[in-house]
């Protein structure tokens, strides 16, 4: 899935059994330290119990959206940045 989601969204991702909750965007993560990832998440429902359990992944890694988080006007700038990333994924540049 090439999906733009707000913080708080709960998703299933490739190669991870349990659902995860998105808590950040466009960062390096401990799971992918040499690349910028679209989303950073923690296991759901446990949350951020340890930094080593934080997962970084691309929007193309999402296999199912279980819950879509809260969107406000403040989300619009981030949504625009993620839309640019989405185009990069579609063109195979990311």
N, C-alpha and C. Protein backbone atom coordinates (compact mmCIF):
# COMPACT_ATOMS: atom_id res chain seq x y z
N UNK A 1 0.83 -1.19 0.00
CA UNK A 1 0.00 0.00 0.00
C UNK A 1 0.88 1.24 0.00
N UNK A 2 0.51 2.19 -0.76
CA UNK A 2 1.17 3.50 -0.76
C UNK A 2 0.24 4.44 -0.02
N UNK A 3 0.32 4.46 1.30
CA UNK A 3 -0.69 5.10 2.12
C UNK A 3 -0.13 6.22 2.97
N UNK A 4 -0.78 7.39 2.93
CA UNK A 4 -0.41 8.52 3.77
C UNK A 4 -1.32 8.50 5.00
N UNK A 5 -0.70 8.37 6.17
CA UNK A 5 -1.46 8.21 7.41
C UNK A 5 -0.98 9.16 8.49
N UNK A 6 -1.88 9.60 9.37
CA UNK A 6 -1.48 10.45 10.49
C UNK A 6 -0.93 9.64 11.66
N UNK A 7 -0.29 10.36 12.56
CA UNK A 7 0.19 9.76 13.81
C UNK A 7 -1.00 9.13 14.53
N UNK A 8 -0.75 8.00 15.17
CA UNK A 8 -1.80 7.28 15.88
C UNK A 8 -2.42 6.18 15.06
N UNK A 9 -2.12 6.14 13.76
CA UNK A 9 -2.67 5.07 12.92
C UNK A 9 -2.04 3.74 13.30
N UNK A 10 -2.83 2.70 13.25
CA UNK A 10 -2.37 1.35 13.57
C UNK A 10 -2.42 0.54 12.29
N UNK A 11 -1.29 -0.09 11.96
CA UNK A 11 -1.17 -0.81 10.69
C UNK A 11 -0.48 -2.15 10.88
N UNK A 12 -0.63 -3.00 9.89
CA UNK A 12 0.17 -4.22 9.77
C UNK A 12 1.20 -3.94 8.68
N UNK A 13 2.43 -4.41 8.89
CA UNK A 13 3.47 -4.21 7.90
C UNK A 13 4.13 -5.54 7.54
N UNK A 14 4.73 -5.56 6.36
CA UNK A 14 5.41 -6.76 5.87
C UNK A 14 6.41 -7.27 6.90
N UNK A 15 6.46 -8.57 7.06
CA UNK A 15 7.45 -9.26 7.89
C UNK A 15 7.36 -8.95 9.39
N UNK A 16 6.24 -8.37 9.84
CA UNK A 16 6.06 -8.11 11.27
C UNK A 16 4.70 -8.68 11.65
N UNK A 17 4.70 -9.58 12.63
CA UNK A 17 3.47 -10.28 13.00
C UNK A 17 2.44 -9.38 13.69
N UNK A 18 2.90 -8.57 14.66
CA UNK A 18 1.98 -7.75 15.45
C UNK A 18 1.72 -6.40 14.79
N UNK A 19 0.58 -5.80 15.06
CA UNK A 19 0.31 -4.45 14.55
C UNK A 19 1.26 -3.44 15.18
N UNK A 20 1.45 -2.32 14.50
CA UNK A 20 2.27 -1.23 15.02
C UNK A 20 1.50 0.08 14.93
N UNK A 21 1.86 1.02 15.81
CA UNK A 21 1.22 2.34 15.81
C UNK A 21 2.24 3.39 15.38
N UNK A 22 1.87 4.16 14.39
CA UNK A 22 2.75 5.21 13.87
C UNK A 22 2.86 6.34 14.89
N UNK A 23 4.12 6.77 15.15
CA UNK A 23 4.33 7.89 16.05
C UNK A 23 5.26 8.95 15.48
N UNK A 24 5.78 8.74 14.28
CA UNK A 24 6.67 9.72 13.69
C UNK A 24 6.83 9.54 12.20
N UNK A 25 7.44 10.55 11.57
CA UNK A 25 7.61 10.58 10.12
C UNK A 25 9.03 10.96 9.73
N UNK A 26 9.42 10.51 8.56
CA UNK A 26 10.63 10.97 7.87
C UNK A 26 11.84 11.08 8.80
N UNK A 27 12.21 9.94 9.35
CA UNK A 27 13.32 9.87 10.29
C UNK A 27 14.21 8.68 9.95
N UNK A 28 15.35 8.65 10.61
CA UNK A 28 16.14 7.44 10.63
C UNK A 28 15.64 6.67 11.85
N UNK A 29 15.66 5.36 11.76
CA UNK A 29 15.23 4.57 12.91
C UNK A 29 16.29 3.53 13.23
N UNK A 30 16.19 2.96 14.41
CA UNK A 30 17.18 1.95 14.80
C UNK A 30 17.10 0.72 13.90
N UNK A 31 15.92 0.45 13.33
CA UNK A 31 15.79 -0.72 12.46
C UNK A 31 16.34 -0.47 11.05
N UNK A 32 16.44 0.81 10.63
CA UNK A 32 16.99 1.16 9.31
C UNK A 32 17.85 2.42 9.45
N UNK A 33 19.01 2.30 10.10
CA UNK A 33 19.81 3.50 10.42
C UNK A 33 20.42 4.22 9.22
N UNK A 34 20.51 3.58 8.07
CA UNK A 34 21.16 4.20 6.92
C UNK A 34 20.20 4.76 5.88
N UNK A 35 18.92 4.86 6.22
CA UNK A 35 17.96 5.43 5.29
C UNK A 35 16.88 6.21 6.04
N UNK A 36 16.27 7.13 5.33
CA UNK A 36 15.13 7.85 5.90
C UNK A 36 13.89 7.02 5.61
N UNK A 37 13.09 6.80 6.64
CA UNK A 37 11.88 6.01 6.50
C UNK A 37 10.67 6.94 6.54
N UNK A 38 9.60 6.51 5.87
CA UNK A 38 8.38 7.31 5.86
C UNK A 38 7.76 7.37 7.25
N UNK A 39 7.74 6.24 7.95
CA UNK A 39 7.07 6.14 9.24
C UNK A 39 7.96 5.48 10.28
N UNK A 40 7.77 5.89 11.53
CA UNK A 40 8.38 5.23 12.67
C UNK A 40 7.23 4.80 13.57
N UNK A 41 7.29 3.57 14.06
CA UNK A 41 6.18 3.02 14.83
C UNK A 41 6.68 2.19 16.00
N UNK A 42 5.74 1.90 16.89
CA UNK A 42 5.99 1.04 18.04
C UNK A 42 4.94 -0.06 18.06
N UNK A 43 5.23 -1.18 18.73
CA UNK A 43 4.25 -2.26 18.78
C UNK A 43 2.94 -1.79 19.41
N UNK A 44 1.85 -2.28 18.86
CA UNK A 44 0.53 -1.98 19.42
C UNK A 44 -0.01 -3.24 20.06
N UNK A 45 -0.51 -3.19 21.26
CA UNK A 45 -0.86 -2.03 22.07
C UNK A 45 0.21 -1.63 23.08
N UNK A 46 1.34 -2.29 23.09
CA UNK A 46 2.35 -2.06 24.12
C UNK A 46 2.97 -0.68 24.11
N UNK A 47 3.13 -0.08 22.94
CA UNK A 47 3.70 1.25 22.85
C UNK A 47 5.22 1.24 22.93
N UNK A 48 5.76 2.36 23.32
CA UNK A 48 7.20 2.58 23.33
C UNK A 48 7.83 2.04 24.61
N UNK A 49 7.92 0.72 24.70
CA UNK A 49 8.48 0.09 25.90
C UNK A 49 10.00 0.05 25.88
N UNK A 50 10.60 0.13 24.69
CA UNK A 50 12.06 0.15 24.57
C UNK A 50 12.43 0.66 23.19
N UNK A 51 13.45 1.49 23.13
CA UNK A 51 13.86 2.08 21.85
C UNK A 51 14.19 1.02 20.80
N UNK A 52 14.68 -0.12 21.23
CA UNK A 52 15.04 -1.18 20.28
C UNK A 52 13.81 -1.77 19.58
N UNK A 53 12.62 -1.54 20.12
CA UNK A 53 11.40 -2.07 19.51
C UNK A 53 10.75 -1.08 18.54
N UNK A 54 11.34 0.11 18.40
CA UNK A 54 10.82 1.05 17.41
C UNK A 54 11.15 0.54 16.01
N UNK A 55 10.18 0.64 15.12
CA UNK A 55 10.36 0.15 13.75
C UNK A 55 10.25 1.29 12.76
N UNK A 56 11.17 1.32 11.82
CA UNK A 56 11.07 2.26 10.72
C UNK A 56 10.64 1.50 9.48
N UNK A 57 9.74 2.09 8.70
CA UNK A 57 9.28 1.41 7.49
C UNK A 57 8.77 2.41 6.48
N UNK A 58 8.68 1.96 5.25
CA UNK A 58 8.17 2.78 4.16
C UNK A 58 6.67 2.54 4.02
N UNK A 59 5.98 3.50 3.42
CA UNK A 59 4.54 3.34 3.22
C UNK A 59 4.23 2.13 2.35
N UNK A 60 5.17 1.74 1.52
CA UNK A 60 4.96 0.56 0.66
C UNK A 60 5.02 -0.74 1.45
N UNK A 61 5.49 -0.69 2.70
CA UNK A 61 5.54 -1.88 3.55
C UNK A 61 4.21 -2.17 4.24
N UNK A 62 3.29 -1.23 4.19
CA UNK A 62 1.99 -1.40 4.86
C UNK A 62 1.15 -2.42 4.09
N UNK A 63 0.66 -3.42 4.82
CA UNK A 63 -0.20 -4.43 4.19
C UNK A 63 -1.67 -4.25 4.54
N UNK A 64 -1.93 -3.59 5.69
CA UNK A 64 -3.31 -3.37 6.11
C UNK A 64 -3.38 -2.19 7.07
N UNK A 65 -4.38 -1.35 6.91
CA UNK A 65 -4.64 -0.26 7.85
C UNK A 65 -5.75 -0.73 8.78
N UNK A 66 -5.42 -0.85 10.08
CA UNK A 66 -6.39 -1.30 11.07
C UNK A 66 -7.15 -0.13 11.69
N UNK A 67 -6.48 1.02 11.79
CA UNK A 67 -7.11 2.21 12.36
C UNK A 67 -6.40 3.44 11.81
N UNK A 68 -7.16 4.42 11.35
CA UNK A 68 -6.56 5.66 10.87
C UNK A 68 -6.64 6.71 11.96
N UNK A 69 -5.49 7.31 12.27
CA UNK A 69 -5.41 8.29 13.35
C UNK A 69 -6.11 9.61 13.03
N UNK A 70 -6.03 10.51 13.96
CA UNK A 70 -6.71 11.80 13.94
C UNK A 70 -6.00 12.77 13.01
N UNK A 71 -6.76 13.43 12.13
CA UNK A 71 -6.21 14.42 11.20
C UNK A 71 -6.79 15.79 11.52
N UNK A 72 -5.91 16.79 11.58
CA UNK A 72 -6.33 18.18 11.74
C UNK A 72 -5.64 18.99 10.65
N UNK A 73 -5.90 20.28 10.64
CA UNK A 73 -5.23 21.16 9.68
C UNK A 73 -3.71 21.15 9.87
N UNK A 74 -3.27 20.94 11.11
CA UNK A 74 -1.83 20.89 11.38
C UNK A 74 -1.14 19.73 10.68
N UNK A 75 -1.92 18.72 10.30
CA UNK A 75 -1.37 17.56 9.60
C UNK A 75 -1.08 17.87 8.13
N UNK A 76 -1.72 18.88 7.55
CA UNK A 76 -1.61 19.17 6.12
C UNK A 76 -0.17 19.30 5.61
N UNK A 77 0.72 20.06 6.28
CA UNK A 77 2.10 20.16 5.77
C UNK A 77 2.81 18.80 5.72
N UNK A 78 2.60 17.98 6.75
CA UNK A 78 3.22 16.65 6.77
C UNK A 78 2.62 15.78 5.67
N UNK A 79 1.32 15.90 5.49
CA UNK A 79 0.64 15.15 4.43
C UNK A 79 1.22 15.51 3.06
N UNK A 80 1.53 16.78 2.85
CA UNK A 80 2.13 17.22 1.59
C UNK A 80 3.52 16.62 1.40
N UNK A 81 4.33 16.59 2.46
CA UNK A 81 5.66 15.97 2.37
C UNK A 81 5.55 14.48 2.07
N UNK A 82 4.63 13.81 2.73
CA UNK A 82 4.45 12.38 2.50
C UNK A 82 3.92 12.11 1.09
N UNK A 83 3.14 13.03 0.53
CA UNK A 83 2.66 12.88 -0.84
C UNK A 83 3.83 12.92 -1.82
N UNK A 84 4.83 13.75 -1.54
CA UNK A 84 6.04 13.79 -2.37
C UNK A 84 6.78 12.46 -2.26
N UNK A 85 6.88 11.92 -1.05
CA UNK A 85 7.52 10.61 -0.86
C UNK A 85 6.75 9.53 -1.61
N UNK A 86 5.42 9.62 -1.57
CA UNK A 86 4.58 8.64 -2.26
C UNK A 86 4.89 8.63 -3.76
N UNK A 87 5.03 9.81 -4.35
CA UNK A 87 5.41 9.91 -5.77
C UNK A 87 6.78 9.27 -6.01
N UNK A 88 7.70 9.48 -5.08
CA UNK A 88 9.03 8.87 -5.20
C UNK A 88 8.96 7.36 -5.18
N UNK A 89 8.10 6.80 -4.34
CA UNK A 89 7.92 5.35 -4.30
C UNK A 89 7.31 4.86 -5.62
N UNK A 90 6.32 5.58 -6.12
CA UNK A 90 5.65 5.18 -7.36
C UNK A 90 6.61 5.22 -8.54
N UNK A 91 7.56 6.15 -8.54
CA UNK A 91 8.54 6.27 -9.62
C UNK A 91 9.75 5.36 -9.40
N UNK A 92 9.80 4.68 -8.24
CA UNK A 92 10.92 3.80 -7.95
C UNK A 92 12.18 4.52 -7.52
N UNK A 93 12.03 5.78 -7.09
CA UNK A 93 13.18 6.56 -6.67
C UNK A 93 13.54 6.36 -5.21
N UNK A 94 12.63 5.78 -4.46
CA UNK A 94 12.88 5.53 -3.02
C UNK A 94 12.85 4.04 -2.78
